[in-house]
Amino acid sequence: MNVDWSLILICALVTWRVGRFIEKDALIDGTRAKVLGWLDKPRTNRTTDFHADKVWTLLTCPWCLCIWISAGALLASRLFVVDSVPVPIWSWLAVAVLPLVPWNYLDGED
């Protein structure tokens, strides 16, 4: 089995970027607050309350979020990659992340 490490790296970086966007980026603060507020409301149905609690946890836990995003990224790479070369959107998202890693490390910002 020949492993394409560049594809794994790109999928990992895409997962990190999409996960951070969902959990923390300011662009969707209002939408995120509305969704989390709706999920945090008490419900009369225990099953609905259980599912709402799980979705709330999924959206606020980076460990949980990245598991599902990486599954989607790997599935999409399987569907859209030709000869182990990622389609441009995957490369674009991965390249967009690379400068943020040292920037975050050097500036110490979240």
PDB file of N, CA and C in Angstrom:
ATOM      1  N   MET A   1       0.840  -1.175   0.000  1.00  0.00           N
ATOM      2  CA  MET A   1       0.000   0.000   0.000  1.00  0.00           C
ATOM      3  C   MET A   1       0.885   1.237   0.000  1.00  0.00           C
ATOM      4  N   ASN A   2       0.687   2.088  -0.978  1.00  0.00           N
ATOM      5  CA  ASN A   2       1.456   3.314  -1.097  1.00  0.00           C
ATOM      6  C   ASN A   2       0.666   4.469  -0.484  1.00  0.00           C
ATOM      7  N   VAL A   3       1.221   5.100   0.526  1.00  0.00           N
ATOM      8  CA  VAL A   3       0.539   6.180   1.231  1.00  0.00           C
ATOM      9  C   VAL A   3       0.938   7.512   0.623  1.00  0.00           C
ATOM     10  N   ASP A   4      -0.047   8.332   0.303  1.00  0.00           N
ATOM     11  CA  ASP A   4       0.204   9.670  -0.211  1.00  0.00           C
ATOM     12  C   ASP A   4       0.176  10.648   0.974  1.00  0.00           C
ATOM     13  N   TRP A   5       1.348  10.906   1.536  1.00  0.00           N
ATOM     14  CA  TRP A   5       1.443  11.747   2.728  1.00  0.00           C
ATOM     15  C   TRP A   5       1.023  13.181   2.463  1.00  0.00           C
ATOM     16  N   SER A   6       1.231  13.666   1.247  1.00  0.00           N
ATOM     17  CA  SER A   6       0.809  15.042   0.955  1.00  0.00           C
ATOM     18  C   SER A   6      -0.710  15.165   1.011  1.00  0.00           C
ATOM     19  N   LEU A   7      -1.412  14.142   0.554  1.00  0.00           N
ATOM     20  CA  LEU A   7      -2.873  14.165   0.617  1.00  0.00           C
ATOM     21  C   LEU A   7      -3.349  14.085   2.062  1.00  0.00           C
ATOM     22  N   ILE A   8      -2.681  13.292   2.869  1.00  0.00           N
ATOM     23  CA  ILE A   8      -3.034  13.205   4.291  1.00  0.00           C
ATOM     24  C   ILE A   8      -2.801  14.548   4.975  1.00  0.00           C
ATOM     25  N   LEU A   9      -1.681  15.198   4.671  1.00  0.00           N
ATOM     26  CA  LEU A   9      -1.396  16.518   5.249  1.00  0.00           C
ATOM     27  C   LEU A   9      -2.446  17.535   4.819  1.00  0.00           C
ATOM     28  N   ILE A  10      -2.785  17.539   3.549  1.00  0.00           N
ATOM     29  CA  ILE A  10      -3.789  18.483   3.052  1.00  0.00           C
ATOM     30  C   ILE A  10      -5.140  18.228   3.717  1.00  0.00           C
ATOM     31  N   CYS A  11      -5.549  16.977   3.824  1.00  0.00           N
ATOM     32  CA  CYS A  11      -6.814  16.670   4.493  1.00  0.00           C
ATOM     33  C   CYS A  11      -6.789  17.087   5.965  1.00  0.00           C
ATOM     34  N   ALA A  12      -5.652  16.901   6.620  1.00  0.00           N
ATOM     35  CA  ALA A  12      -5.530  17.312   8.023  1.00  0.00           C
ATOM     36  C   ALA A  12      -5.637  18.826   8.164  1.00  0.00           C
ATOM     37  N   LEU A  13      -4.979  19.549   7.281  1.00  0.00           N
ATOM     38  CA  LEU A  13      -5.045  21.011   7.346  1.00  0.00           C
ATOM     39  C   LEU A  13      -6.443  21.529   7.004  1.00  0.00           C
ATOM     40  N   VAL A  14      -7.084  20.912   6.039  1.00  0.00           N
ATOM     41  CA  VAL A  14      -8.462  21.291   5.702  1.00  0.00           C
ATOM     42  C   VAL A  14      -9.382  21.012   6.895  1.00  0.00           C
ATOM     43  N   THR A  15      -9.195  19.885   7.537  1.00  0.00           N
ATOM     44  CA  THR A  15      -9.997  19.545   8.716  1.00  0.00           C
ATOM     45  C   THR A  15      -9.806  20.578   9.816  1.00  0.00           C
ATOM     46  N   TRP A  16      -8.566  20.942  10.071  1.00  0.00           N
ATOM     47  CA  TRP A  16      -8.289  21.940  11.105  1.00  0.00           C
ATOM     48  C   TRP A  16      -8.948  23.272  10.763  1.00  0.00           C
ATOM     49  N   ARG A  17      -8.832  23.698   9.505  1.00  0.00           N
ATOM     50  CA  ARG A  17      -9.368  24.999   9.114  1.00  0.00           C
ATOM     51  C   ARG A  17     -10.890  25.033   9.171  1.00  0.00           C
ATOM     52  N   VAL A  18     -11.537  24.002   8.663  1.00  0.00           N
ATOM     53  CA  VAL A  18     -13.003  23.954   8.684  1.00  0.00           C
ATOM     54  C   VAL A  18     -13.495  23.846  10.129  1.00  0.00           C
ATOM     55  N   GLY A  19     -12.827  23.034  10.942  1.00  0.00           N
ATOM     56  CA  GLY A  19     -13.205  22.913  12.352  1.00  0.00           C
ATOM     57  C   GLY A  19     -13.077  24.215  13.100  1.00  0.00           C
ATOM     58  N   ARG A  20     -12.008  24.934  12.859  1.00  0.00           N
ATOM     59  CA  ARG A  20     -11.822  26.225  13.527  1.00  0.00           C
ATOM     60  C   ARG A  20     -12.864  27.223  13.059  1.00  0.00           C
ATOM     61  N   PHE A  21     -13.196  27.182  11.778  1.00  0.00           N
ATOM     62  CA  PHE A  21     -14.222  28.069  11.235  1.00  0.00           C
ATOM     63  C   PHE A  21     -15.563  27.827  11.930  1.00  0.00           C
ATOM     64  N   ILE A  22     -15.931  26.560  12.074  1.00  0.00           N
ATOM     65  CA  ILE A  22     -17.212  26.231  12.702  1.00  0.00           C
ATOM     66  C   ILE A  22     -17.212  26.590  14.181  1.00  0.00           C
ATOM     67  N   GLU A  23     -16.117  26.310  14.870  1.00  0.00           N
ATOM     68  CA  GLU A  23     -16.109  26.490  16.326  1.00  0.00           C
ATOM     69  C   GLU A  23     -15.796  27.908  16.789  1.00  0.00           C
ATOM     70  N   LYS A  24     -14.911  28.634  16.089  1.00  0.00           N
ATOM     71  CA  LYS A  24     -14.415  29.877  16.674  1.00  0.00           C
ATOM     72  C   LYS A  24     -14.426  31.112  15.785  1.00  0.00           C
ATOM     73  N   ASP A  25     -14.397  30.998  14.485  1.00  0.00           N
ATOM     74  CA  ASP A  25     -14.236  32.175  13.640  1.00  0.00           C
ATOM     75  C   ASP A  25     -15.368  33.172  13.808  1.00  0.00           C
ATOM     76  N   ALA A  26     -15.017  34.452  13.786  1.00  0.00           N
ATOM     77  CA  ALA A  26     -15.970  35.536  14.025  1.00  0.00           C
ATOM     78  C   ALA A  26     -16.982  35.699  12.896  1.00  0.00           C
ATOM     79  N   LEU A  27     -16.675  35.227  11.718  1.00  0.00           N
ATOM     80  CA  LEU A  27     -17.557  35.413  10.570  1.00  0.00           C
ATOM     81  C   LEU A  27     -18.958  34.848  10.813  1.00  0.00           C
ATOM     82  N   ILE A  28     -19.066  33.767  11.559  1.00  0.00           N
ATOM     83  CA  ILE A  28     -20.374  33.156  11.803  1.00  0.00           C
ATOM     84  C   ILE A  28     -20.774  33.219  13.280  1.00  0.00           C
ATOM     85  N   ASP A  29     -20.271  34.209  14.014  1.00  0.00           N
ATOM     86  CA  ASP A  29     -20.597  34.329  15.441  1.00  0.00           C
ATOM     87  C   ASP A  29     -22.096  34.361  15.701  1.00  0.00           C
ATOM     88  N   GLY A  30     -22.821  35.199  14.954  1.00  0.00           N
ATOM     89  CA  GLY A  30     -24.260  35.331  15.173  1.00  0.00           C
ATOM     90  C   GLY A  30     -25.008  34.041  14.899  1.00  0.00           C
ATOM     91  N   THR A  31     -24.694  33.413  13.792  1.00  0.00           N
ATOM     92  CA  THR A  31     -25.342  32.149  13.432  1.00  0.00           C
ATOM     93  C   THR A  31     -25.016  31.073  14.450  1.00  0.00           C
ATOM     94  N   ARG A  32     -23.744  30.992  14.848  1.00  0.00           N
ATOM     95  CA  ARG A  32     -23.326  29.992  15.833  1.00  0.00           C
ATOM     96  C   ARG A  32     -24.069  30.207  17.150  1.00  0.00           C
ATOM     97  N   ALA A  33     -24.175  31.460  17.588  1.00  0.00           N
ATOM     98  CA  ALA A  33     -24.868  31.762  18.845  1.00  0.00           C
ATOM     99  C   ALA A  33     -26.344  31.364  18.773  1.00  0.00           C
ATOM    100  N   LYS A  34     -26.982  31.626  17.636  1.00  0.00           N
ATOM    101  CA  LYS A  34     -28.399  31.249  17.483  1.00  0.00           C
ATOM    102  C   LYS A  34     -28.564  29.734  17.522  1.00  0.00           C
ATOM    103  N   VAL A  35     -27.716  29.021  16.801  1.00  0.00           N
ATOM    104  CA  VAL A  35     -27.817  27.557  16.769  1.00  0.00           C
ATOM    105  C   VAL A  35     -27.548  26.972  18.157  1.00  0.00           C
ATOM    106  N   LEU A  36     -26.497  27.438  18.819  1.00  0.00           N
ATOM    107  CA  LEU A  36     -26.178  26.918  20.155  1.00  0.00           C
ATOM    108  C   LEU A  36     -27.251  27.296  21.165  1.00  0.00           C
ATOM    109  N   GLY A  37     -27.798  28.497  21.042  1.00  0.00           N
ATOM    110  CA  GLY A  37     -28.896  28.898  21.927  1.00  0.00           C
ATOM    111  C   GLY A  37     -30.125  28.024  21.736  1.00  0.00           C
ATOM    112  N   TRP A  38     -30.434  27.719  20.481  1.00  0.00           N
ATOM    113  CA  TRP A  38     -31.573  26.857  20.191  1.00  0.00           C
ATOM    114  C   TRP A  38     -31.328  25.444  20.728  1.00  0.00           C
ATOM    115  N   LEU A  39     -30.110  24.951  20.575  1.00  0.00           N
ATOM    116  CA  LEU A  39     -29.788  23.605  21.049  1.00  0.00           C
ATOM    117  C   LEU A  39     -29.757  23.516  22.573  1.00  0.00           C
ATOM    118  N   ASP A  40     -29.478  24.634  23.236  1.00  0.00           N
ATOM    119  CA  ASP A  40     -29.333  24.640  24.688  1.00  0.00           C
ATOM    120  C   ASP A  40     -30.679  24.787  25.417  1.00  0.00           C
ATOM    121  N   LYS A  41     -31.765  25.042  24.681  1.00  0.00           N
ATOM    122  CA  LYS A  41     -33.077  25.190  25.315  1.00  0.00           C
ATOM    123  C   LYS A  41     -33.552  23.864  25.886  1.00  0.00           C
ATOM    124  N   PRO A  42     -34.202  23.924  27.061  1.00  0.00           N
ATOM    125  CA  PRO A  42     -34.760  22.674  27.604  1.00  0.00           C
ATOM    126  C   PRO A  42     -35.922  22.184  26.726  1.00  0.00           C
ATOM    127  N   ARG A  43     -36.056  20.878  26.604  1.00  0.00           N
ATOM    128  CA  ARG A  43     -37.106  20.276  25.785  1.00  0.00           C
ATOM    129  C   ARG A  43     -37.918  19.300  26.625  1.00  0.00           C
ATOM    130  N   THR A  44     -39.128  19.057  26.170  1.00  0.00           N
ATOM    131  CA  THR A  44     -39.998  18.143  26.912  1.00  0.00           C
ATOM    132  C   THR A  44     -39.750  16.692  26.518  1.00  0.00           C
ATOM    133  N   ASN A  45     -39.285  16.460  25.311  1.00  0.00           N
ATOM    134  CA  ASN A  45     -39.035  15.110  24.822  1.00  0.00           C
ATOM    135  C   ASN A  45     -37.589  14.719  25.152  1.00  0.00           C
ATOM    136  N   ARG A  46     -37.412  13.648  25.905  1.00  0.00           N
ATOM    137  CA  ARG A  46     -36.055  13.228  26.313  1.00  0.00           C
ATOM    138  C   ARG A  46     -35.183  12.847  25.128  1.00  0.00           C
ATOM    139  N   THR A  47     -35.775  12.230  24.100  1.00  0.00           N
ATOM    140  CA  THR A  47     -34.987  11.838  22.931  1.00  0.00           C
ATOM    141  C   THR A  47     -34.487  13.063  22.189  1.00  0.00           C
ATOM    142  N   THR A  48     -35.355  14.040  21.983  1.00  0.00           N
ATOM    143  CA  THR A  48     -34.958  15.282  21.319  1.00  0.00           C
ATOM    144  C   THR A  48     -33.906  16.009  22.141  1.00  0.00           C
ATOM    145  N   ASP A  49     -34.082  16.032  23.465  1.00  0.00           N
ATOM    146  CA  ASP A  49     -33.112  16.671  24.349  1.00  0.00           C
ATOM    147  C   ASP A  49     -31.756  15.971  24.253  1.00  0.00           C
ATOM    148  N   PHE A  50     -31.756  14.655  24.194  1.00  0.00           N
ATOM    149  CA  PHE A  50     -30.520  13.873  24.070  1.00  0.00           C
ATOM    150  C   PHE A  50     -29.793  14.228  22.772  1.00  0.00           C
ATOM    151  N   HIS A  51     -30.520  14.262  21.657  1.00  0.00           N
ATOM    152  CA  HIS A  51     -29.909  14.574  20.360  1.00  0.00           C
ATOM    153  C   HIS A  51     -29.409  16.013  20.310  1.00  0.00           C
ATOM    154  N   ALA A  52     -30.178  16.945  20.853  1.00  0.00           N
ATOM    155  CA  ALA A  52     -29.758  18.347  20.887  1.00  0.00           C
ATOM    156  C   ALA A  52     -28.483  18.495  21.701  1.00  0.00           C
ATOM    157  N   ASP A  53     -28.395  17.766  22.811  1.00  0.00           N
ATOM    158  CA  ASP A  53     -27.188  17.813  23.650  1.00  0.00           C
ATOM    159  C   ASP A  53     -25.972  17.272  22.897  1.00  0.00           C
ATOM    160  N   LYS A  54     -26.161  16.217  22.135  1.00  0.00           N
ATOM    161  CA  LYS A  54     -25.048  15.638  21.369  1.00  0.00           C
ATOM    162  C   LYS A  54     -24.596  16.580  20.254  1.00  0.00           C
ATOM    163  N   VAL A  55     -25.528  17.218  19.566  1.00  0.00           N
ATOM    164  CA  VAL A  55     -25.161  18.169  18.507  1.00  0.00           C
ATOM    165  C   VAL A  55     -24.465  19.381  19.117  1.00  0.00           C
ATOM    166  N   TRP A  56     -24.942  19.855  20.274  1.00  0.00           N
ATOM    167  CA  TRP A  56     -24.296  20.981  20.958  1.00  0.00           C
ATOM    168  C   TRP A  56     -22.852  20.617  21.300  1.00  0.00           C
ATOM    169  N   THR A  57     -22.638  19.419  21.840  1.00  0.00           N
ATOM    170  CA  THR A  57     -21.288  18.960  22.158  1.00  0.00           C
ATOM    171  C   THR A  57     -20.439  18.871  20.900  1.00  0.00           C
ATOM    172  N   LEU A  58     -20.996  18.338  19.836  1.00  0.00           N
ATOM    173  CA  LEU A  58     -20.272  18.218  18.575  1.00  0.00           C
ATOM    174  C   LEU A  58     -19.798  19.579  18.079  1.00  0.00           C
ATOM    175  N   LEU A  59     -20.644  20.597  18.174  1.00  0.00           N
ATOM    176  CA  LEU A  59     -20.301  21.921  17.653  1.00  0.00           C
ATOM    177  C   LEU A  59     -19.364  22.714  18.559  1.00  0.00           C
ATOM    178  N   THR A  60     -19.215  22.314  19.801  1.00  0.00           N
ATOM    179  CA  THR A  60     -18.364  23.070  20.730  1.00  0.00           C
ATOM    180  C   THR A  60     -17.085  22.337  21.131  1.00  0.00           C
ATOM    181  N   CYS A  61     -16.939  21.093  20.729  1.00  0.00           N
ATOM    182  CA  CYS A  61     -15.757  20.299  21.089  1.00  0.00           C
ATOM    183  C   CYS A  61     -14.887  20.084  19.851  1.00  0.00           C
ATOM    184  N   PRO A  62     -13.680  20.667  19.822  1.00  0.00           N
ATOM    185  CA  PRO A  62     -12.849  20.498  18.632  1.00  0.00           C
ATOM    186  C   PRO A  62     -12.469  19.045  18.370  1.00  0.00           C
ATOM    187  N   TRP A  63     -12.321  18.251  19.417  1.00  0.00           N
ATOM    188  CA  TRP A  63     -11.979  16.842  19.235  1.00  0.00           C
ATOM    189  C   TRP A  63     -13.118  16.110  18.537  1.00  0.00           C
ATOM    190  N   CYS A  64     -14.346  16.365  18.966  1.00  0.00           N
ATOM    191  CA  CYS A  64     -15.518  15.709  18.356  1.00  0.00           C
ATOM    192  C   CYS A  64     -15.744  16.222  16.942  1.00  0.00           C
ATOM    193  N   LEU A  65     -15.623  17.514  16.769  1.00  0.00           N
ATOM    194  CA  LEU A  65     -15.859  18.148  15.473  1.00  0.00           C
ATOM    195  C   LEU A  65     -14.889  17.638  14.419  1.00  0.00           C
ATOM    196  N   CYS A  66     -13.622  17.542  14.774  1.00  0.00           N
ATOM    197  CA  CYS A  66     -12.600  17.136  13.804  1.00  0.00           C
ATOM    198  C   CYS A  66     -12.743  15.682  13.362  1.00  0.00           C
ATOM    199  N   ILE A  67     -13.270  14.841  14.210  1.00  0.00           N
ATOM    200  CA  ILE A  67     -13.489  13.447  13.810  1.00  0.00           C
ATOM    201  C   ILE A  67     -14.421  13.392  12.608  1.00  0.00           C
ATOM    202  N   TRP A  68     -15.521  14.126  12.678  1.00  0.00           N
ATOM    203  CA  TRP A  68     -16.516  14.075  11.604  1.00  0.00           C
ATOM    204  C   TRP A  68     -16.079  14.872  10.386  1.00  0.00           C
ATOM    205  N   ILE A  69     -15.403  15.997  10.600  1.00  0.00           N
ATOM    206  CA  ILE A  69     -14.913  16.777   9.460  1.00  0.00           C
ATOM    207  C   ILE A  69     -13.847  15.983   8.707  1.00  0.00           C
ATOM    208  N   SER A  70     -12.958  15.319   9.432  1.00  0.00           N
ATOM    209  CA  SER A  70     -11.922  14.533   8.756  1.00  0.00           C
ATOM    210  C   SER A  70     -12.531  13.370   7.985  1.00  0.00           C
ATOM    211  N   ALA A  71     -13.595  12.780   8.510  1.00  0.00           N
ATOM    212  CA  ALA A  71     -14.274  11.717   7.761  1.00  0.00           C
ATOM    213  C   ALA A  71     -14.811  12.265   6.446  1.00  0.00           C
ATOM    214  N   GLY A  72     -15.412  13.448   6.500  1.00  0.00           N
ATOM    215  CA  GLY A  72     -15.906  14.079   5.280  1.00  0.00           C
ATOM    216  C   GLY A  72     -14.784  14.461   4.333  1.00  0.00           C
ATOM    217  N   ALA A  73     -13.678  14.966   4.885  1.00  0.00           N
ATOM    218  CA  ALA A  73     -12.542  15.358   4.044  1.00  0.00           C
ATOM    219  C   ALA A  73     -11.938  14.139   3.341  1.00  0.00           C
ATOM    220  N   LEU A  74     -11.788  13.050   4.076  1.00  0.00           N
ATOM    221  CA  LEU A  74     -11.225  11.851   3.459  1.00  0.00           C
ATOM    222  C   LEU A  74     -12.179  11.239   2.429  1.00  0.00           C
ATOM    223  N   LEU A  75     -13.472  11.274   2.728  1.00  0.00           N
ATOM    224  CA  LEU A  75     -14.443  10.777   1.757  1.00  0.00           C
ATOM    225  C   LEU A  75     -14.436  11.650   0.501  1.00  0.00           C
ATOM    226  N   ALA A  76     -14.419  12.963   0.691  1.00  0.00           N
ATOM    227  CA  ALA A  76     -14.385  13.869  -0.461  1.00  0.00           C
ATOM    228  C   ALA A  76     -13.100  13.697  -1.258  1.00  0.00           C
ATOM    229  N   SER A  77     -11.977  13.509  -0.575  1.00  0.00           N
ATOM    230  CA  SER A  77     -10.724  13.320  -1.306  1.00  0.00           C
ATOM    231  C   SER A  77     -10.772  12.028  -2.122  1.00  0.00           C
ATOM    232  N   ARG A  78     -11.449  11.034  -1.586  1.00  0.00           N
ATOM    233  CA  ARG A  78     -11.603   9.767  -2.296  1.00  0.00           C
ATOM    234  C   ARG A  78     -12.444   9.948  -3.566  1.00  0.00           C
ATOM    235  N   LEU A  79     -13.445  10.835  -3.469  1.00  0.00           N
ATOM    236  CA  LEU A  79     -14.354  11.057  -4.597  1.00  0.00           C
ATOM    237  C   LEU A  79     -13.792  12.021  -5.640  1.00  0.00           C
ATOM    238  N   PHE A  80     -13.009  13.031  -5.198  1.00  0.00           N
ATOM    239  CA  PHE A  80     -12.622  14.117  -6.094  1.00  0.00           C
ATOM    240  C   PHE A  80     -11.144  14.172  -6.463  1.00  0.00           C
ATOM    241  N   VAL A  81     -10.338  13.262  -5.953  1.00  0.00           N
ATOM    242  CA  VAL A  81      -8.910  13.297  -6.245  1.00  0.00           C
ATOM    243  C   VAL A  81      -8.613  12.418  -7.451  1.00  0.00           C
ATOM    244  N   VAL A  82      -7.849  12.979  -8.369  1.00  0.00           N
ATOM    245  CA  VAL A  82      -7.451  12.241  -9.563  1.00  0.00           C
ATOM    246  C   VAL A  82      -5.946  12.026  -9.490  1.00  0.00           C
ATOM    247  N   ASP A  83      -5.504  10.792  -9.527  1.00  0.00           N
ATOM    248  CA  ASP A  83      -4.081  10.451  -9.471  1.00  0.00           C
ATOM    249  C   ASP A  83      -3.367  11.073  -8.272  1.00  0.00           C
ATOM    250  N   SER A  84      -4.029  11.074  -7.131  1.00  0.00           N
ATOM    251  CA  SER A  84      -3.462  11.570  -5.872  1.00  0.00           C
ATOM    252  C   SER A  84      -3.090  13.042  -5.896  1.00  0.00           C
ATOM    253  N   VAL A  85      -3.688  13.819  -6.766  1.00  0.00           N
ATOM    254  CA  VAL A  85      -3.483  15.267  -6.762  1.00  0.00           C
ATOM    255  C   VAL A  85      -4.796  15.903  -6.313  1.00  0.00           C
ATOM    256  N   PRO A  86      -4.784  16.607  -5.205  1.00  0.00           N
ATOM    257  CA  PRO A  86      -6.036  17.167  -4.694  1.00  0.00           C
ATOM    258  C   PRO A  86      -6.604  18.212  -5.642  1.00  0.00           C
ATOM    259  N   VAL A  87      -7.922  18.302  -5.672  1.00  0.00           N
ATOM    260  CA  VAL A  87      -8.550  19.347  -6.475  1.00  0.00           C
ATOM    261  C   VAL A  87      -8.170  20.701  -5.902  1.00  0.00           C
ATOM    262  N   PRO A  88      -8.228  21.759  -6.689  1.00  0.00           N
ATOM    263  CA  PRO A  88      -7.730  23.067  -6.246  1.00  0.00           C
ATOM    264  C   PRO A  88      -8.322  23.589  -4.943  1.00  0.00           C
ATOM    265  N   ILE A  89      -9.594  23.345  -4.672  1.00  0.00           N
ATOM    266  CA  ILE A  89     -10.191  23.881  -3.443  1.00  0.00           C
ATOM    267  C   ILE A  89      -9.525  23.303  -2.203  1.00  0.00           C
ATOM    268  N   TRP A  90      -9.150  22.017  -2.229  1.00  0.00           N
ATOM    269  CA  TRP A  90      -8.474  21.410  -1.075  1.00  0.00           C
ATOM    270  C   TRP A  90      -7.094  22.034  -0.895  1.00  0.00           C
ATOM    271  N   SER A  91      -6.381  22.199  -1.997  1.00  0.00           N
ATOM    272  CA  SER A  91      -5.059  22.813  -1.921  1.00  0.00           C
ATOM    273  C   SER A  91      -5.171  24.245  -1.410  1.00  0.00           C
ATOM    274  N   TRP A  92      -6.185  24.954  -1.884  1.00  0.00           N
ATOM    275  CA  TRP A  92      -6.382  26.340  -1.472  1.00  0.00           C
ATOM    276  C   TRP A  92      -6.622  26.438   0.031  1.00  0.00           C
ATOM    277  N   LEU A  93      -7.502  25.589   0.576  1.00  0.00           N
ATOM    278  CA  LEU A  93      -7.772  25.625   2.012  1.00  0.00           C
ATOM    279  C   LEU A  93      -6.534  25.254   2.826  1.00  0.00           C
ATOM    280  N   ALA A  94      -5.789  24.272   2.343  1.00  0.00           N
ATOM    281  CA  ALA A  94      -4.575  23.865   3.064  1.00  0.00           C
ATOM    282  C   ALA A  94      -3.530  24.974   3.035  1.00  0.00           C
ATOM    283  N   VAL A  95      -3.360  25.597   1.879  1.00  0.00           N
ATOM    284  CA  VAL A  95      -2.378  26.682   1.771  1.00  0.00           C
ATOM    285  C   VAL A  95      -2.813  27.872   2.629  1.00  0.00           C
ATOM    286  N   ALA A  96      -4.117  28.108   2.744  1.00  0.00           N
ATOM    287  CA  ALA A  96      -4.611  29.210   3.576  1.00  0.00           C
ATOM    288  C   ALA A  96      -4.293  28.984   5.053  1.00  0.00           C
ATOM    289  N   VAL A  97      -4.170  27.736   5.460  1.00  0.00           N
ATOM    290  CA  VAL A  97      -3.878  27.425   6.859  1.00  0.00           C
ATOM    291  C   VAL A  97      -2.406  27.562   7.181  1.00  0.00           C
ATOM    292  N   LEU A  98      -1.544  27.180   6.257  1.00  0.00           N
ATOM    293  CA  LEU A  98      -0.106  27.120   6.554  1.00  0.00           C
ATOM    294  C   LEU A  98       0.461  28.418   7.116  1.00  0.00           C
ATOM    295  N   PRO A  99       0.144  29.608   6.592  1.00  0.00           N
ATOM    296  CA  PRO A  99       0.696  30.813   7.202  1.00  0.00           C
ATOM    297  C   PRO A  99       0.115  31.112   8.582  1.00  0.00           C
ATOM    298  N   LEU A 100      -1.063  30.562   8.888  1.00  0.00           N
ATOM    299  CA  LEU A 100      -1.675  30.832  10.183  1.00  0.00           C
ATOM    300  C   LEU A 100      -0.998  30.081  11.320  1.00  0.00           C
ATOM    301  N   VAL A 101      -0.395  28.947  11.013  1.00  0.00           N
ATOM    302  CA  VAL A 101       0.238  28.151  12.070  1.00  0.00           C
ATOM    303  C   VAL A 101       1.402  28.909  12.713  1.00  0.00           C
ATOM    304  N   PRO A 102       2.397  29.380  11.942  1.00  0.00           N
ATOM    305  CA  PRO A 102       3.459  30.150  12.604  1.00  0.00           C
ATOM    306  C   PRO A 102       2.966  31.499  13.131  1.00  0.00           C
ATOM    307  N   TRP A 103       2.008  32.097  12.451  1.00  0.00           N
ATOM    308  CA  TRP A 103       1.446  33.365  12.903  1.00  0.00           C
ATOM    309  C   TRP A 103       0.825  33.187  14.293  1.00  0.00           C
ATOM    310  N   ASN A 104       0.033  32.145  14.447  1.00  0.00           N
ATOM    311  CA  ASN A 104      -0.587  31.855  15.733  1.00  0.00           C
ATOM    312  C   ASN A 104       0.474  31.516  16.781  1.00  0.00           C
ATOM    313  N   TYR A 105       1.476  30.775  16.395  1.00  0.00           N
ATOM    314  CA  TYR A 105       2.533  30.374  17.322  1.00  0.00           C
ATOM    315  C   TYR A 105       3.339  31.585  17.766  1.00  0.00           C
ATOM    316  N   LEU A 106       3.699  32.460  16.835  1.00  0.00           N
ATOM    317  CA  LEU A 106       4.530  33.613  17.162  1.00  0.00           C
ATOM    318  C   LEU A 106       3.773  34.719  17.882  1.00  0.00           C
ATOM    319  N   ASP A 107       2.521  34.937  17.486  1.00  0.00           N
ATOM    320  CA  ASP A 107       1.740  36.003  18.109  1.00  0.00           C
ATOM    321  C   ASP A 107       0.995  35.549  19.352  1.00  0.00           C
ATOM    322  N   GLY A 108       0.844  34.231  19.493  1.00  0.00           N
ATOM    323  CA  GLY A 108       0.156  33.705  20.663  1.00  0.00           C
ATOM    324  C   GLY A 108      -1.327  34.006  20.688  1.00  0.00           C
ATOM    325  N   GLU A 109      -1.921  34.251  19.527  1.00  0.00           N
ATOM    326  CA  GLU A 109      -3.338  34.543  19.476  1.00  0.00           C
ATOM    327  C   GLU A 109      -4.114  33.282  19.201  1.00  0.00           C
ATOM    328  N   ASP A 110      -5.403  33.307  19.564  1.00  0.00           N
ATOM    329  CA  ASP A 110      -6.272  32.149  19.348  1.00  0.00           C
ATOM    330  C   ASP A 110      -6.893  32.200  17.984  1.00  0.00           C
TER     331      ASP A 110
END
